[in-house]
Amino acid sequence: MNVRPYSTTDAEGLWELKRGFELGIGEGTGDEEKGPKYEAKLSDDYRERWLAWVDDCVAENDDCVTVAVDDDGSVVGYAFVLPASLAFIWDAAVLNEVFVAPDYRGTGVADELMAAALDAARDMDLPLDRMVLDVDRENDRAQAFYDRYGFEHWGEMVARDL
């Protein structure tokens, strides 16, 4: 397994994992409309805009997106820490996403990605030395993973449709 900074040659593999991340958000959490709502947004336009945003973030901070690549060259996981210019949103580093393909869960890939994400955050000039993330309280697997790394609940995010 090779864990390294993202490059544009990883775009297709990263997008496939992003789809898995988005479709997994609704799985087993929230109401029955959550999954279809996330699936509906994954249009070609969204794909192009999201990959362009990833490129912009990486142009600002090379280490903000880390990928795990298997021996065949397939992208099997990623961690995405928002660049330092966005740290003022929460006065902290923001762990935007961590996702590992199902076949690679439990193999240590997520731990390597988290280590890279924490290193990227430590290298940033942050208002406060902390990392925050948004995780569904009903996502027990993710909760257990973040608990292992010392993340604690800090406030609660609320949302509404526009």
C-alpha atoms as a PDB file:
ATOM      1  CA  MET A   1       0.000   0.000   0.000  1.00  0.00           C
ATOM      2  CA  ASN A   2       1.283   3.430  -0.913  1.00  0.00           C
ATOM      3  CA  VAL A   3      -0.125   6.440   0.981  1.00  0.00           C
ATOM      4  CA  ARG A   4       0.842   9.679  -0.745  1.00  0.00           C
ATOM      5  CA  PRO A   5      -0.399  13.125  -1.744  1.00  0.00           C
ATOM      6  CA  TYR A   6      -3.116  13.196  -4.407  1.00  0.00           C
ATOM      7  CA  SER A   7      -2.225  13.987  -8.006  1.00  0.00           C
ATOM      8  CA  THR A   8      -4.556  14.742 -10.907  1.00  0.00           C
ATOM      9  CA  THR A   9      -3.809  11.269 -12.318  1.00  0.00           C
ATOM     10  CA  ASP A  10      -5.788   9.927  -9.329  1.00  0.00           C
ATOM     11  CA  ALA A  11      -8.941  11.876 -10.276  1.00  0.00           C
ATOM     12  CA  GLU A  12     -11.028   8.956 -11.580  1.00  0.00           C
ATOM     13  CA  GLY A  13     -10.207   6.731  -8.613  1.00  0.00           C
ATOM     14  CA  LEU A  14     -10.816   9.579  -6.183  1.00  0.00           C
ATOM     15  CA  TRP A  15     -14.194  10.300  -7.789  1.00  0.00           C
ATOM     16  CA  GLU A  16     -15.279   6.665  -7.479  1.00  0.00           C
ATOM     17  CA  LEU A  17     -14.405   6.749  -3.773  1.00  0.00           C
ATOM     18  CA  LYS A  18     -16.175  10.096  -3.357  1.00  0.00           C
ATOM     19  CA  ARG A  19     -19.307   8.473  -4.822  1.00  0.00           C
ATOM     20  CA  GLY A  20     -18.931   5.648  -2.315  1.00  0.00           C
ATOM     21  CA  PHE A  21     -18.540   8.169   0.482  1.00  0.00           C
ATOM     22  CA  GLU A  22     -21.630  10.134  -0.558  1.00  0.00           C
ATOM     23  CA  LEU A  23     -23.790   7.058  -1.097  1.00  0.00           C
ATOM     24  CA  GLY A  24     -22.614   5.598   2.199  1.00  0.00           C
ATOM     25  CA  ILE A  25     -23.680   8.733   4.078  1.00  0.00           C
ATOM     26  CA  GLY A  26     -27.312   7.738   3.819  1.00  0.00           C
ATOM     27  CA  GLU A  27     -26.742   4.064   4.561  1.00  0.00           C
ATOM     28  CA  GLY A  28     -28.251   3.175   7.893  1.00  0.00           C
ATOM     29  CA  THR A  29     -28.507   6.757   9.143  1.00  0.00           C
ATOM     30  CA  GLY A  30     -31.187   9.397   8.826  1.00  0.00           C
ATOM     31  CA  ASP A  31     -34.572   8.979   7.216  1.00  0.00           C
ATOM     32  CA  GLU A  32     -35.367   7.026   4.059  1.00  0.00           C
ATOM     33  CA  GLU A  33     -34.955  10.135   1.879  1.00  0.00           C
ATOM     34  CA  LYS A  34     -31.340  10.789   2.886  1.00  0.00           C
ATOM     35  CA  GLY A  35     -29.703   8.227   0.574  1.00  0.00           C
ATOM     36  CA  PRO A  36     -31.639   9.176  -2.579  1.00  0.00           C
ATOM     37  CA  LYS A  37     -31.007  12.872  -1.878  1.00  0.00           C
ATOM     38  CA  TYR A  38     -27.228  12.303  -1.821  1.00  0.00           C
ATOM     39  CA  GLU A  39     -27.361  10.040  -4.874  1.00  0.00           C
ATOM     40  CA  ALA A  40     -29.290  12.651  -6.869  1.00  0.00           C
ATOM     41  CA  LYS A  41     -26.570  15.255  -6.455  1.00  0.00           C
ATOM     42  CA  LEU A  42     -23.849  13.064  -7.991  1.00  0.00           C
ATOM     43  CA  SER A  43     -24.354  14.406 -11.511  1.00  0.00           C
ATOM     44  CA  ASP A  44     -21.661  14.925 -14.149  1.00  0.00           C
ATOM     45  CA  ASP A  45     -21.755  18.637 -13.365  1.00  0.00           C
ATOM     46  CA  TYR A  46     -21.198  17.970  -9.662  1.00  0.00           C
ATOM     47  CA  ARG A  47     -18.305  15.624 -10.520  1.00  0.00           C
ATOM     48  CA  GLU A  48     -16.579  18.267 -12.643  1.00  0.00           C
ATOM     49  CA  ARG A  49     -17.105  21.003 -10.063  1.00  0.00           C
ATOM     50  CA  TRP A  50     -15.950  18.798  -7.162  1.00  0.00           C
ATOM     51  CA  LEU A  51     -12.785  17.631  -8.952  1.00  0.00           C
ATOM     52  CA  ALA A  52     -11.978  21.252  -9.913  1.00  0.00           C
ATOM     53  CA  TRP A  53     -12.402  22.228  -6.239  1.00  0.00           C
ATOM     54  CA  VAL A  54     -10.087  19.392  -5.202  1.00  0.00           C
ATOM     55  CA  ASP A  55      -7.512  20.713  -7.682  1.00  0.00           C
ATOM     56  CA  ASP A  56      -7.878  24.230  -6.237  1.00  0.00           C
ATOM     57  CA  CYS A  57      -7.412  22.916  -2.693  1.00  0.00           C
ATOM     58  CA  VAL A  58      -4.355  20.874  -3.667  1.00  0.00           C
ATOM     59  CA  ALA A  59      -2.885  23.875  -5.517  1.00  0.00           C
ATOM     60  CA  GLU A  60      -3.074  25.763  -2.229  1.00  0.00           C
ATOM     61  CA  ASN A  61      -1.826  22.908  -0.044  1.00  0.00           C
ATOM     62  CA  ASP A  62      -0.174  19.850  -1.629  1.00  0.00           C
ATOM     63  CA  ASP A  63      -0.858  17.674   1.411  1.00  0.00           C
ATOM     64  CA  CYS A  64      -4.541  18.419   1.940  1.00  0.00           C
ATOM     65  CA  VAL A  65      -5.672  15.361  -0.038  1.00  0.00           C
ATOM     66  CA  THR A  66      -3.926  12.068   0.633  1.00  0.00           C
ATOM     67  CA  VAL A  67      -4.676   8.866  -1.251  1.00  0.00           C
ATOM     68  CA  ALA A  68      -4.008   5.219  -0.492  1.00  0.00           C
ATOM     69  CA  VAL A  69      -3.066   3.285  -3.629  1.00  0.00           C
ATOM     70  CA  ASP A  70      -2.872  -0.516  -3.757  1.00  0.00           C
ATOM     71  CA  ASP A  71      -0.231  -2.557  -5.588  1.00  0.00           C
ATOM     72  CA  ASP A  72      -2.329  -2.474  -8.775  1.00  0.00           C
ATOM     73  CA  GLY A  73      -2.375   1.338  -8.757  1.00  0.00           C
ATOM     74  CA  SER A  74      -6.034   1.626  -7.717  1.00  0.00           C
ATOM     75  CA  VAL A  75      -7.015   4.400  -5.332  1.00  0.00           C
ATOM     76  CA  VAL A  76      -8.581   2.573  -2.366  1.00  0.00           C
ATOM     77  CA  GLY A  77      -8.874   5.355   0.199  1.00  0.00           C
ATOM     78  CA  TYR A  78      -8.463   9.048   0.765  1.00  0.00           C
ATOM     79  CA  ALA A  79      -8.342  11.715   3.443  1.00  0.00           C
ATOM     80  CA  PHE A  80      -9.227  15.320   2.678  1.00  0.00           C
ATOM     81  CA  VAL A  81      -8.225  18.119   5.054  1.00  0.00           C
ATOM     82  CA  LEU A  82      -9.441  21.515   3.911  1.00  0.00           C
ATOM     83  CA  PRO A  83      -6.594  23.945   3.138  1.00  0.00           C
ATOM     84  CA  ALA A  84      -5.509  26.466   5.762  1.00  0.00           C
ATOM     85  CA  SER A  85      -7.347  29.345   4.049  1.00  0.00           C
ATOM     86  CA  LEU A  86     -10.589  27.646   5.139  1.00  0.00           C
ATOM     87  CA  ALA A  87      -9.455  27.100   8.741  1.00  0.00           C
ATOM     88  CA  PHE A  88     -11.258  30.232   9.858  1.00  0.00           C
ATOM     89  CA  ILE A  89     -14.617  28.536   9.255  1.00  0.00           C
ATOM     90  CA  TRP A  90     -14.189  26.597  12.533  1.00  0.00           C
ATOM     91  CA  ASP A  91     -10.936  28.222  13.770  1.00  0.00           C
ATOM     92  CA  ALA A  92      -9.318  24.838  13.206  1.00  0.00           C
ATOM     93  CA  ALA A  93      -8.203  22.316  10.651  1.00  0.00           C
ATOM     94  CA  VAL A  94     -11.236  20.709   9.073  1.00  0.00           C
ATOM     95  CA  LEU A  95     -11.155  17.020   8.240  1.00  0.00           C
ATOM     96  CA  ASN A  96     -13.564  17.124   5.341  1.00  0.00           C
ATOM     97  CA  GLU A  97     -13.642  13.415   4.523  1.00  0.00           C
ATOM     98  CA  VAL A  98     -11.941  10.102   5.176  1.00  0.00           C
ATOM     99  CA  PHE A  99     -13.098   7.129   3.137  1.00  0.00           C
ATOM    100  CA  VAL A 100     -11.729   3.656   2.513  1.00  0.00           C
ATOM    101  CA  ALA A 101     -13.133   1.196  -0.026  1.00  0.00           C
ATOM    102  CA  PRO A 102     -15.039  -1.579   1.763  1.00  0.00           C
ATOM    103  CA  ASP A 103     -12.562  -4.317   0.764  1.00  0.00           C
ATOM    104  CA  TYR A 104      -9.744  -2.398   2.487  1.00  0.00           C
ATOM    105  CA  ARG A 105     -11.488  -1.594   5.767  1.00  0.00           C
ATOM    106  CA  GLY A 106      -9.857  -3.123   8.807  1.00  0.00           C
ATOM    107  CA  THR A 107      -6.462  -3.330   7.078  1.00  0.00           C
ATOM    108  CA  GLY A 108      -4.871  -0.227   8.646  1.00  0.00           C
ATOM    109  CA  VAL A 109      -5.377   1.963   5.558  1.00  0.00           C
ATOM    110  CA  ALA A 110      -7.666   4.344   7.452  1.00  0.00           C
ATOM    111  CA  ASP A 111      -5.054   4.672  10.199  1.00  0.00           C
ATOM    112  CA  GLU A 112      -2.387   5.620   7.660  1.00  0.00           C
ATOM    113  CA  LEU A 113      -4.734   8.159   6.086  1.00  0.00           C
ATOM    114  CA  MET A 114      -5.598   9.638   9.481  1.00  0.00           C
ATOM    115  CA  ALA A 115      -1.903   9.948  10.334  1.00  0.00           C
ATOM    116  CA  ALA A 116      -1.343  11.822   7.061  1.00  0.00           C
ATOM    117  CA  ALA A 117      -4.358  14.062   7.730  1.00  0.00           C
ATOM    118  CA  LEU A 118      -3.108  14.919  11.214  1.00  0.00           C
ATOM    119  CA  ASP A 119       0.374  15.658   9.837  1.00  0.00           C
ATOM    120  CA  ALA A 120      -1.124  17.938   7.167  1.00  0.00           C
ATOM    121  CA  ALA A 121      -3.123  19.785   9.825  1.00  0.00           C
ATOM    122  CA  ARG A 122      -0.112  20.158  12.128  1.00  0.00           C
ATOM    123  CA  ASP A 123       1.780  21.822   9.277  1.00  0.00           C
ATOM    124  CA  MET A 124      -0.929  24.498   8.873  1.00  0.00           C
ATOM    125  CA  ASP A 125      -0.987  27.924  10.466  1.00  0.00           C
ATOM    126  CA  LEU A 126      -4.265  27.526  12.370  1.00  0.00           C
ATOM    127  CA  PRO A 127      -6.197  29.918  14.618  1.00  0.00           C
ATOM    128  CA  LEU A 128      -6.477  27.095  17.194  1.00  0.00           C
ATOM    129  CA  ASP A 129      -4.501  23.856  17.277  1.00  0.00           C
ATOM    130  CA  ARG A 130      -7.357  21.436  16.771  1.00  0.00           C
ATOM    131  CA  MET A 131      -9.066  19.438  14.076  1.00  0.00           C
ATOM    132  CA  VAL A 132     -12.823  19.265  13.651  1.00  0.00           C
ATOM    133  CA  LEU A 133     -15.072  17.117  11.505  1.00  0.00           C
ATOM    134  CA  ASP A 134     -18.733  16.433  10.912  1.00  0.00           C
ATOM    135  CA  VAL A 135     -19.817  12.863  11.656  1.00  0.00           C
ATOM    136  CA  ASP A 136     -23.320  11.473  11.977  1.00  0.00           C
ATOM    137  CA  ARG A 137     -23.976  10.382  15.568  1.00  0.00           C
ATOM    138  CA  GLU A 138     -25.720   7.307  14.159  1.00  0.00           C
ATOM    139  CA  ASN A 139     -22.623   6.182  12.240  1.00  0.00           C
ATOM    140  CA  ASP A 140     -21.204   3.829  14.856  1.00  0.00           C
ATOM    141  CA  ARG A 141     -18.270   2.651  12.728  1.00  0.00           C
ATOM    142  CA  ALA A 142     -17.051   6.195  12.089  1.00  0.00           C
ATOM    143  CA  GLN A 143     -17.698   7.205  15.698  1.00  0.00           C
ATOM    144  CA  ALA A 144     -15.531   4.327  16.953  1.00  0.00           C
ATOM    145  CA  PHE A 145     -12.742   5.239  14.516  1.00  0.00           C
ATOM    146  CA  TYR A 146     -12.690   8.895  15.577  1.00  0.00           C
ATOM    147  CA  ASP A 147     -12.951   7.961  19.261  1.00  0.00           C
ATOM    148  CA  ARG A 148      -9.710   5.983  18.879  1.00  0.00           C
ATOM    149  CA  TYR A 149      -8.020   9.212  17.808  1.00  0.00           C
ATOM    150  CA  GLY A 150      -9.328  11.245  20.729  1.00  0.00           C
ATOM    151  CA  PHE A 151     -12.045  13.190  18.915  1.00  0.00           C
ATOM    152  CA  GLU A 152     -14.774  14.352  21.278  1.00  0.00           C
ATOM    153  CA  HIS A 153     -18.177  15.854  20.631  1.00  0.00           C
ATOM    154  CA  TRP A 154     -17.919  19.606  20.490  1.00  0.00           C
ATOM    155  CA  GLY A 155     -21.182  21.349  19.984  1.00  0.00           C
ATOM    156  CA  GLU A 156     -23.652  20.060  17.462  1.00  0.00           C
ATOM    157  CA  MET A 157     -24.267  21.047  13.891  1.00  0.00           C
ATOM    158  CA  VAL A 158     -27.819  21.807  12.832  1.00  0.00           C
ATOM    159  CA  ALA A 159     -29.076  22.217   9.276  1.00  0.00           C
ATOM    160  CA  ARG A 160     -32.157  23.089   7.268  1.00  0.00           C
ATOM    161  CA  ASP A 161     -33.157  22.935   3.633  1.00  0.00           C
ATOM    162  CA  LEU A 162     -32.973  26.155   1.615  1.00  0.00           C
END
